[in-house]
Amino acid sequence: MRVIIDPMGMLPIPPARLLRAGGLLPDWVTSPDYPDMNLKDKLTKHYGFGELTELKGGTITPEGAFQFPQDPDQYPLISIVRKEEQFLLYEHAIVAILQPDGSSFITRID
């Protein structure tokens, strides 16, 4: 597992503060619970309020920025690579799970 704070180097915020901004989400991703689940299922299980809803209309650039129509780009606070999946956390509780085949699942967990 690889954890990177401010993976794009775009945020003028101390790394410890960025990690705190992630709340429980980084802990959920890195916990040893549910080791055989994919990240979406693991986050759903930890969240405990039903299925995660996909946020439609947003995209993740190859560099990792989250883009949504008429909004400024958002840069990831934290990147965690677990097995073959990558978890990206953005401001406003936006989460992206990137798959090795290039597909992604974007949601909001708050």
Protein backbone atom coordinates (compact mmCIF):
# COMPACT_ATOMS: atom_id res chain seq x y z
CA MET A 1 0.00 0.00 0.00
CA ARG A 2 1.30 3.45 -0.86
CA VAL A 3 -0.04 6.66 0.71
CA ILE A 4 0.87 10.04 -0.79
CA ILE A 5 -0.20 13.36 0.68
CA ASP A 6 -0.77 16.10 -1.97
CA PRO A 7 0.21 13.77 -4.83
CA MET A 8 0.15 16.55 -7.46
CA GLY A 9 2.10 19.04 -5.31
CA MET A 10 -0.56 21.70 -5.88
CA LEU A 11 -1.82 22.44 -2.37
CA PRO A 12 -0.19 25.06 -0.12
CA ILE A 13 -1.35 23.25 3.02
CA PRO A 14 0.85 21.33 5.48
CA PRO A 15 0.69 17.55 4.93
CA ALA A 16 -0.50 16.83 8.49
CA ARG A 17 -3.46 19.16 7.95
CA LEU A 18 -4.31 17.47 4.65
CA LEU A 19 -4.27 14.08 6.36
CA ARG A 20 -6.59 15.38 9.10
CA ALA A 21 -8.90 16.79 6.42
CA GLY A 22 -9.36 13.23 5.18
CA GLY A 23 -11.16 12.31 8.39
CA LEU A 24 -11.90 8.59 8.64
CA LEU A 25 -11.65 7.87 4.93
CA PRO A 26 -7.89 7.16 4.77
CA ASP A 27 -8.27 4.91 7.83
CA TRP A 28 -11.08 2.99 6.13
CA VAL A 29 -8.97 2.44 3.01
CA THR A 30 -5.84 1.36 4.88
CA SER A 31 -7.52 -0.74 7.57
CA PRO A 32 -6.90 -4.48 7.51
CA ASP A 33 -10.67 -5.10 7.60
CA TYR A 34 -12.19 -6.76 4.53
CA PRO A 35 -8.86 -7.48 2.78
CA ASP A 36 -10.46 -9.31 -0.15
CA MET A 37 -13.02 -6.60 -1.00
CA ASN A 38 -12.51 -4.05 -3.73
CA LEU A 39 -12.29 -0.44 -2.52
CA LYS A 40 -15.86 0.49 -3.41
CA ASP A 41 -17.28 -2.42 -1.44
CA LYS A 42 -14.87 -1.82 1.45
CA LEU A 43 -15.82 1.87 1.69
CA THR A 44 -19.52 0.98 1.44
CA LYS A 45 -19.14 -1.50 4.30
CA HIS A 46 -17.31 1.02 6.52
CA TYR A 47 -19.72 3.84 5.60
CA GLY A 48 -22.70 1.79 6.74
CA PHE A 49 -25.48 3.89 5.18
CA GLY A 50 -26.22 1.82 2.09
CA GLU A 51 -24.72 1.85 -1.37
CA LEU A 52 -22.47 4.69 -2.45
CA THR A 53 -24.04 6.82 -5.17
CA GLU A 54 -21.98 7.60 -8.26
CA LEU A 55 -21.42 11.30 -8.86
CA LYS A 56 -22.27 11.81 -12.53
CA GLY A 57 -20.70 14.44 -14.76
CA GLY A 58 -17.25 14.58 -13.19
CA THR A 59 -14.02 13.22 -14.62
CA ILE A 60 -10.51 12.55 -13.37
CA THR A 61 -7.64 13.77 -15.54
CA PRO A 62 -4.68 11.45 -16.19
CA GLU A 63 -2.73 13.55 -13.65
CA GLY A 64 -5.44 13.06 -11.00
CA ALA A 65 -7.35 16.37 -10.99
CA PHE A 66 -11.12 16.16 -10.53
CA GLN A 67 -13.04 18.17 -13.12
CA PHE A 68 -16.71 19.05 -12.99
CA PRO A 69 -18.49 21.36 -15.47
CA GLN A 70 -18.31 25.05 -14.47
CA ASP A 71 -16.18 24.27 -11.37
CA PRO A 72 -12.46 24.88 -10.97
CA ASP A 73 -10.26 21.80 -11.02
CA GLN A 74 -9.79 20.10 -7.66
CA TYR A 75 -6.50 18.49 -6.77
CA PRO A 76 -6.31 15.37 -4.60
CA LEU A 77 -5.50 15.82 -0.94
CA ILE A 78 -4.49 12.19 -0.56
CA SER A 79 -3.74 9.27 -2.88
CA ILE A 80 -3.70 5.69 -1.63
CA VAL A 81 -2.81 2.79 -3.88
CA ARG A 82 -4.18 -0.49 -2.53
CA LYS A 83 -3.57 -3.61 -4.56
CA GLU A 84 -4.36 -2.46 -8.12
CA GLU A 85 -6.86 0.26 -7.21
CA GLN A 86 -6.14 3.91 -6.47
CA PHE A 87 -8.16 5.98 -3.99
CA LEU A 88 -8.13 9.77 -4.44
CA LEU A 89 -9.66 12.13 -1.89
CA TYR A 90 -10.64 15.68 -2.79
CA GLU A 91 -12.16 18.61 -0.93
CA HIS A 92 -15.90 18.48 -0.25
CA ALA A 93 -15.69 14.74 0.56
CA ILE A 94 -15.35 13.79 -3.10
CA VAL A 95 -13.71 10.40 -3.59
CA ALA A 96 -12.52 8.72 -6.76
CA ILE A 97 -11.60 5.06 -7.09
CA LEU A 98 -9.50 4.39 -10.17
CA GLN A 99 -9.24 0.93 -11.69
CA PRO A 100 -6.29 -0.52 -13.63
CA ASP A 101 -8.41 -0.60 -16.81
CA GLY A 102 -8.81 3.21 -16.67
CA SER A 103 -12.39 3.22 -15.38
CA SER A 104 -13.33 5.19 -12.30
CA PHE A 105 -16.05 5.49 -9.69
CA ILE A 106 -16.59 8.98 -8.27
CA THR A 107 -18.75 9.59 -5.22
CA ARG A 108 -19.19 11.83 -2.21
CA ILE A 109 -18.86 10.37 1.28
CA ASP A 110 -19.86 12.75 4.04
